[in-house]
Amino acid sequence: MGESDRFQDYKTKKQRFTLGHPDNALMWLFAFNVIFFLILATIKLAIAVNDNSANVFFTQVVNWFSLPASLGKFSNRYWTILTYMFSDTELVRAISNMLWLWVFGDILQNLTGNKKLIPIYLYGGIVGALFFIIATYLIPTNRAIIDSANLLGANASIMAVSVAATRIAYNYRFFKHIRGGIPIWVLTFIYIFIDIADVATAPAAQALSHIGGAFAGFLFITLLQNKIDASIWMNKSYDWFINVFNPNKKYPRTAIKNRVHYNVPKANLYNKILNVTEDKIDQILDKINQKGYNSLTKEEKDILKKASED
């Protein structure tokens, strides 16, 4: 059992479900998906009551949220490369997507922190959109199909999250009390099979968009494991935008003792004895929530290991 598995075991036993935490990236993804779904559902209901025509809803409303395959239409609705990955009109598919997002997103966020999940979700949606548009033009078809084809739903983004979670925690297991548990990769294959089967009757470009999302998730974690973090520019852009409108912005200050003493090479004035307290554990879990398990120091990992064994 690896240290990340020990953390998962301890967290399951000790930590509360924190989906509502204001810094929880998974919560924000849920919120955006639910808000967009409710907006579309409300408009659909209003049109049905007043006009009694589903065609009006799909041609005059959904088109402003869905990604068009036609480059001509996309140039006039460029924002759809973001809105399509948060929008859905089918209740069952929306609920299914959110369940899968919770399963894989929670694991990914626990191991990488809050600053990786949303970038992976966005990368998956953007790469999926590019695969969809390119495939629509490359696969032999007629002009009418290109003009009418569009993409809607979070599937490509969730595919990226699922593959990323599997790539970084391939030893993770669900239901460990049942014959050692079910490996995450088995659940991922089940999800991919269900997802591809759902679009089996749709144009091939739609299935390829989901494969594009999976590729984005795999590539992101591969780069991250090679010390290349593709989320940095997104997080810096977000922080800059938020701080522009924050007059109370505080700049971090480094204590003198940290500059003078703790930066001295090979300083080892005393050996520390691990002191495991509930407050210390809470601080470590908060750090994991913010920056991921891999951000912990050796001492913090030892404390977490000792706590999981007690």
Protein backbone atom coordinates (compact mmCIF):
# COMPACT_ATOMS: atom_id res chain seq x y z
CA MET A 1 0.00 0.00 0.00
CA GLY A 2 1.43 3.35 -1.07
CA GLU A 3 1.35 6.58 0.89
CA SER A 4 -1.41 7.99 -1.31
CA ASP A 5 -3.53 4.94 -0.48
CA ARG A 6 -2.90 5.51 3.22
CA PHE A 7 -4.08 9.08 2.81
CA GLN A 8 -7.27 7.89 1.08
CA ASP A 9 -7.95 5.43 3.90
CA TYR A 10 -7.40 8.03 6.59
CA LYS A 11 -9.45 10.66 4.79
CA THR A 12 -12.37 8.28 4.38
CA LYS A 13 -12.42 7.60 8.11
CA LYS A 14 -11.64 11.01 9.52
CA GLN A 15 -12.52 13.82 7.15
CA ARG A 16 -15.97 15.23 6.61
CA PHE A 17 -17.53 15.48 3.15
CA THR A 18 -16.53 18.98 2.09
CA LEU A 19 -18.29 19.47 -1.24
CA GLY A 20 -19.66 22.77 0.00
CA HIS A 21 -16.26 24.22 0.91
CA PRO A 22 -15.77 27.56 -0.88
CA ASP A 23 -12.35 26.49 -2.21
CA ASN A 24 -13.59 23.14 -3.51
CA ALA A 25 -13.06 23.03 -7.29
CA LEU A 26 -15.34 20.01 -7.62
CA MET A 27 -18.15 22.00 -6.02
CA TRP A 28 -17.72 24.81 -8.57
CA LEU A 29 -17.88 22.37 -11.48
CA PHE A 30 -21.08 20.92 -10.05
CA ALA A 31 -22.48 24.42 -9.59
CA PHE A 32 -21.77 25.55 -13.16
CA ASN A 33 -23.25 22.39 -14.66
CA VAL A 34 -26.38 22.63 -12.53
CA ILE A 35 -26.85 26.36 -13.23
CA PHE A 36 -26.55 25.91 -17.00
CA PHE A 37 -28.92 22.93 -16.93
CA LEU A 38 -31.52 24.86 -14.92
CA ILE A 39 -31.27 27.85 -17.26
CA LEU A 40 -31.91 25.67 -20.30
CA ALA A 41 -34.67 23.73 -18.55
CA THR A 42 -36.43 26.93 -17.51
CA ILE A 43 -36.26 28.38 -21.03
CA LYS A 44 -37.47 25.08 -22.50
CA LEU A 45 -40.46 25.05 -20.13
CA ALA A 46 -41.31 28.67 -20.90
CA ILE A 47 -41.23 28.01 -24.65
CA ALA A 48 -43.31 24.86 -24.27
CA VAL A 49 -45.99 26.76 -22.33
CA ASN A 50 -46.13 29.74 -24.71
CA ASP A 51 -45.26 28.25 -28.08
CA ASN A 52 -45.71 24.50 -27.56
CA SER A 53 -42.82 23.81 -29.95
CA ALA A 54 -39.68 21.89 -29.03
CA ASN A 55 -38.13 22.83 -32.37
CA VAL A 56 -38.02 26.52 -31.38
CA PHE A 57 -36.06 25.65 -28.23
CA PHE A 58 -33.41 23.62 -30.06
CA THR A 59 -33.00 25.95 -33.04
CA GLN A 60 -33.15 29.33 -31.29
CA VAL A 61 -31.86 28.63 -27.76
CA VAL A 62 -29.67 25.51 -27.59
CA ASN A 63 -27.66 26.66 -30.61
CA TRP A 64 -26.29 29.53 -28.50
CA PHE A 65 -24.88 27.02 -25.98
CA SER A 66 -23.84 24.07 -28.18
CA LEU A 67 -20.61 23.92 -30.18
CA PRO A 68 -21.19 24.02 -33.96
CA ALA A 69 -19.02 21.85 -36.20
CA SER A 70 -19.12 24.46 -38.95
CA LEU A 71 -16.18 26.86 -38.71
CA GLY A 72 -18.33 29.61 -40.18
CA LYS A 73 -20.90 29.27 -37.42
CA PHE A 74 -18.24 28.81 -34.77
CA SER A 75 -16.58 32.11 -35.73
CA ASN A 76 -19.86 33.83 -34.80
CA ARG A 77 -20.40 31.77 -31.63
CA TYR A 78 -16.84 31.31 -30.38
CA TRP A 79 -17.93 31.29 -26.71
CA THR A 80 -19.60 27.91 -27.25
CA ILE A 81 -16.21 26.18 -26.91
CA LEU A 82 -16.70 26.82 -23.18
CA THR A 83 -20.48 26.82 -22.74
CA TYR A 84 -21.06 23.48 -24.47
CA MET A 85 -19.07 21.57 -21.83
CA PHE A 86 -21.33 22.84 -19.01
CA SER A 87 -24.66 22.54 -20.83
CA ASP A 88 -27.11 19.68 -21.25
CA THR A 89 -30.81 19.30 -22.01
CA GLU A 90 -31.30 15.65 -20.98
CA LEU A 91 -31.92 15.11 -17.27
CA VAL A 92 -30.76 11.48 -17.14
CA ARG A 93 -27.51 12.20 -18.96
CA ALA A 94 -26.85 15.28 -16.81
CA ILE A 95 -27.32 13.28 -13.59
CA SER A 96 -25.14 10.45 -14.91
CA ASN A 97 -22.38 12.90 -15.85
CA MET A 98 -22.41 14.50 -12.42
CA LEU A 99 -22.16 11.10 -10.70
CA TRP A 100 -19.15 10.14 -12.80
CA LEU A 101 -17.61 13.57 -12.22
CA TRP A 102 -17.98 13.10 -8.47
CA VAL A 103 -16.42 9.60 -8.53
CA PHE A 104 -13.33 10.52 -10.53
CA GLY A 105 -13.12 14.22 -9.63
CA ASP A 106 -12.99 13.53 -5.90
CA ILE A 107 -10.03 11.17 -6.28
CA LEU A 108 -8.20 13.51 -8.64
CA GLN A 109 -8.74 16.53 -6.39
CA ASN A 110 -7.60 14.68 -3.27
CA LEU A 111 -4.32 13.72 -4.90
CA THR A 112 -3.52 16.86 -6.89
CA GLY A 113 -5.31 19.63 -4.97
CA ASN A 114 -7.89 22.22 -5.99
CA LYS A 115 -5.81 23.84 -8.72
CA LYS A 116 -5.66 20.92 -11.17
CA LEU A 117 -9.24 19.66 -11.49
CA ILE A 118 -10.80 22.64 -13.30
CA PRO A 119 -7.89 23.02 -15.78
CA ILE A 120 -8.11 19.31 -16.63
CA TYR A 121 -11.88 19.66 -17.09
CA LEU A 122 -11.40 22.68 -19.39
CA TYR A 123 -8.56 21.08 -21.35
CA GLY A 124 -10.69 17.98 -21.89
CA GLY A 125 -13.57 20.06 -23.20
CA ILE A 126 -11.38 22.20 -25.47
CA VAL A 127 -9.43 19.29 -26.96
CA GLY A 128 -12.70 17.36 -27.35
CA ALA A 129 -14.15 20.32 -29.25
CA LEU A 130 -11.13 20.43 -31.58
CA PHE A 131 -11.40 16.68 -32.24
CA PHE A 132 -15.11 17.13 -32.99
CA ILE A 133 -14.63 19.94 -35.50
CA ILE A 134 -11.64 18.35 -37.24
CA ALA A 135 -13.31 14.91 -37.42
CA THR A 136 -16.49 16.42 -38.86
CA TYR A 137 -14.52 17.89 -41.74
CA LEU A 138 -12.22 14.88 -42.31
CA ILE A 139 -14.82 12.11 -42.19
CA PRO A 140 -16.57 11.86 -45.58
CA THR A 141 -19.97 13.51 -45.30
CA ASN A 142 -22.07 16.15 -47.03
CA ARG A 143 -22.18 19.89 -46.41
CA ALA A 144 -25.65 19.75 -44.87
CA ILE A 145 -24.43 17.47 -42.06
CA ILE A 146 -21.51 19.78 -41.28
CA ASP A 147 -23.83 22.78 -41.06
CA SER A 148 -26.25 20.98 -38.71
CA ALA A 149 -23.77 19.08 -36.49
CA ASN A 150 -23.22 20.38 -32.94
CA LEU A 151 -21.80 19.16 -29.65
CA LEU A 152 -23.39 19.51 -26.21
CA GLY A 153 -22.61 18.03 -22.81
CA ALA A 154 -19.79 17.51 -20.32
CA ASN A 155 -18.77 14.05 -21.57
CA ALA A 156 -15.42 15.04 -23.12
CA SER A 157 -14.43 16.98 -20.00
CA ILE A 158 -15.44 14.17 -17.63
CA MET A 159 -13.58 11.70 -19.83
CA ALA A 160 -10.46 13.82 -19.28
CA VAL A 161 -11.02 13.81 -15.50
CA SER A 162 -11.59 10.03 -15.41
CA VAL A 163 -8.46 9.21 -17.41
CA ALA A 164 -6.38 11.71 -15.42
CA ALA A 165 -7.55 10.20 -12.12
CA THR A 166 -6.76 6.69 -13.38
CA ARG A 167 -3.37 7.77 -14.68
CA ILE A 168 -2.28 9.30 -11.37
CA ALA A 169 -3.88 6.73 -9.02
CA TYR A 170 -4.00 3.47 -10.99
CA ASN A 171 -3.59 1.45 -7.74
CA TYR A 172 -6.59 3.08 -6.08
CA ARG A 173 -9.42 0.67 -5.24
CA PHE A 174 -13.11 1.08 -4.47
CA PHE A 175 -15.00 -1.10 -1.96
CA LYS A 176 -11.81 -2.51 -0.44
CA HIS A 177 -13.79 -4.77 1.89
CA ILE A 178 -14.97 -6.84 -1.11
CA ARG A 179 -12.09 -9.18 -2.07
CA GLY A 180 -9.51 -6.43 -1.95
CA GLY A 181 -11.58 -3.89 -3.81
CA ILE A 182 -12.28 -2.86 -7.41
CA PRO A 183 -9.35 -1.15 -9.20
CA ILE A 184 -10.09 2.31 -10.53
CA TRP A 185 -9.05 1.27 -14.04
CA VAL A 186 -11.90 -1.27 -14.11
CA LEU A 187 -14.40 1.48 -13.28
CA THR A 188 -12.82 3.69 -15.93
CA PHE A 189 -13.25 1.02 -18.60
CA ILE A 190 -16.89 0.62 -17.54
CA TYR A 191 -17.42 4.37 -17.86
CA ILE A 192 -15.74 4.51 -21.28
CA PHE A 193 -17.85 1.57 -22.51
CA ILE A 194 -21.09 3.19 -21.31
CA ASP A 195 -20.08 6.55 -22.75
CA ILE A 196 -19.13 5.21 -26.18
CA ALA A 197 -22.24 3.01 -26.30
CA ASP A 198 -24.37 6.09 -25.59
CA VAL A 199 -23.08 7.82 -28.72
CA ALA A 200 -22.89 4.69 -30.89
CA THR A 201 -25.77 5.90 -33.08
CA ALA A 202 -24.47 9.48 -33.22
CA PRO A 203 -22.01 10.78 -35.83
CA ALA A 204 -18.49 9.38 -35.38
CA ALA A 205 -17.15 12.88 -34.67
CA GLN A 206 -19.06 12.93 -31.38
CA ALA A 207 -17.38 9.75 -30.14
CA LEU A 208 -14.01 11.09 -31.29
CA SER A 209 -14.58 14.23 -29.23
CA HIS A 210 -14.81 12.06 -26.11
CA ILE A 211 -11.60 10.28 -27.10
CA GLY A 212 -10.01 13.71 -27.47
CA GLY A 213 -11.03 14.51 -23.91
CA ALA A 214 -9.45 11.26 -22.69
CA PHE A 215 -6.24 12.13 -24.55
CA ALA A 216 -6.15 15.57 -22.88
CA GLY A 217 -6.45 14.04 -19.40
CA PHE A 218 -3.75 11.46 -20.10
CA LEU A 219 -1.38 14.06 -21.55
CA PHE A 220 -1.92 16.51 -18.66
CA ILE A 221 -0.93 13.95 -16.00
CA THR A 222 1.98 12.66 -18.10
CA LEU A 223 3.37 16.20 -18.35
CA LEU A 224 2.72 16.80 -14.65
CA GLN A 225 4.69 13.69 -13.72
CA ASN A 226 7.54 15.09 -15.83
CA LYS A 227 7.47 18.37 -13.86
CA ILE A 228 5.49 20.28 -16.50
CA ASP A 229 2.37 21.82 -14.97
CA ALA A 230 -0.06 22.92 -17.70
CA SER A 231 -2.42 24.43 -15.14
CA ILE A 232 -0.10 27.21 -13.95
CA TRP A 233 -1.08 29.82 -16.54
CA MET A 234 -4.79 29.22 -15.92
CA ASN A 235 -4.44 29.58 -12.17
CA LYS A 236 -2.23 32.67 -12.49
CA SER A 237 -4.72 34.26 -14.89
CA TYR A 238 -7.58 33.54 -12.47
CA ASP A 239 -5.64 34.91 -9.48
CA TRP A 240 -4.70 38.04 -11.42
CA PHE A 241 -8.29 38.65 -12.50
CA ILE A 242 -9.62 38.20 -8.95
CA ASN A 243 -6.94 40.43 -7.41
CA VAL A 244 -7.52 43.24 -9.90
CA PHE A 245 -10.85 43.88 -8.20
CA ASN A 246 -9.61 43.20 -4.67
CA PRO A 247 -8.46 46.42 -2.91
CA ASN A 248 -7.57 44.42 0.20
CA LYS A 249 -5.05 42.19 -1.56
CA LYS A 250 -2.36 40.99 0.81
CA TYR A 251 1.13 40.09 -0.30
CA PRO A 252 2.88 37.20 1.47
CA ARG A 253 5.69 38.16 3.79
CA THR A 254 8.52 35.83 4.69
CA ALA A 255 9.47 35.79 8.34
CA ILE A 256 13.06 36.79 9.16
CA LYS A 257 13.68 33.49 10.93
CA ASN A 258 12.78 31.61 7.74
CA ARG A 259 15.20 33.71 5.66
CA VAL A 260 18.06 33.59 8.16
CA HIS A 261 17.83 30.19 9.79
CA TYR A 262 15.72 27.75 7.84
CA ASN A 263 17.36 28.52 4.49
CA VAL A 264 20.80 27.66 5.85
CA PRO A 265 22.02 24.55 3.95
CA LYS A 266 22.11 21.32 5.93
CA ALA A 267 20.79 22.96 9.09
CA ASN A 268 19.96 20.14 11.51
CA LEU A 269 19.99 21.53 15.02
CA TYR A 270 17.74 18.89 16.52
CA ASN A 271 15.72 15.82 15.62
CA LYS A 272 11.99 16.25 15.75
CA ILE A 273 9.67 13.81 17.50
CA LEU A 274 6.42 13.35 15.65
CA ASN A 275 3.55 14.87 17.57
CA VAL A 276 0.26 13.77 15.99
CA THR A 277 -2.63 15.99 17.03
CA GLU A 278 -6.07 16.49 15.51
CA ASP A 279 -5.22 20.11 14.68
CA LYS A 280 -2.05 19.04 12.89
CA ILE A 281 -3.95 16.42 10.90
CA ASP A 282 -6.57 19.01 9.94
CA GLN A 283 -3.81 21.36 8.73
CA ILE A 284 -2.28 18.59 6.61
CA LEU A 285 -5.66 17.66 5.12
CA ASP A 286 -6.32 21.31 4.29
CA LYS A 287 -2.95 21.48 2.55
CA ILE A 288 -3.82 18.37 0.54
CA ASN A 289 -7.14 19.94 -0.44
CA GLN A 290 -5.32 23.03 -1.66
CA LYS A 291 -2.17 21.61 -3.27
CA GLY A 292 -2.54 17.83 -3.41
CA TYR A 293 -0.86 14.95 -1.60
CA ASN A 294 2.43 15.31 -3.47
CA SER A 295 2.92 18.79 -1.97
CA LEU A 296 3.44 17.37 1.56
CA THR A 297 6.84 17.39 3.19
CA LYS A 298 8.41 14.15 4.42
CA GLU A 299 7.50 15.06 8.00
CA GLU A 300 3.86 15.67 7.06
CA LYS A 301 3.68 12.37 5.19
CA ASP A 302 5.14 10.60 8.25
CA ILE A 303 2.52 12.24 10.48
CA LEU A 304 -0.28 11.18 8.12
CA LYS A 305 1.14 7.66 7.96
CA LYS A 306 1.34 7.44 11.75
CA ALA A 307 -2.25 8.74 12.09
CA SER A 308 -3.58 6.17 9.60
CA GLU A 309 -1.88 3.35 11.54
CA ASP A 310 -3.19 4.43 14.97
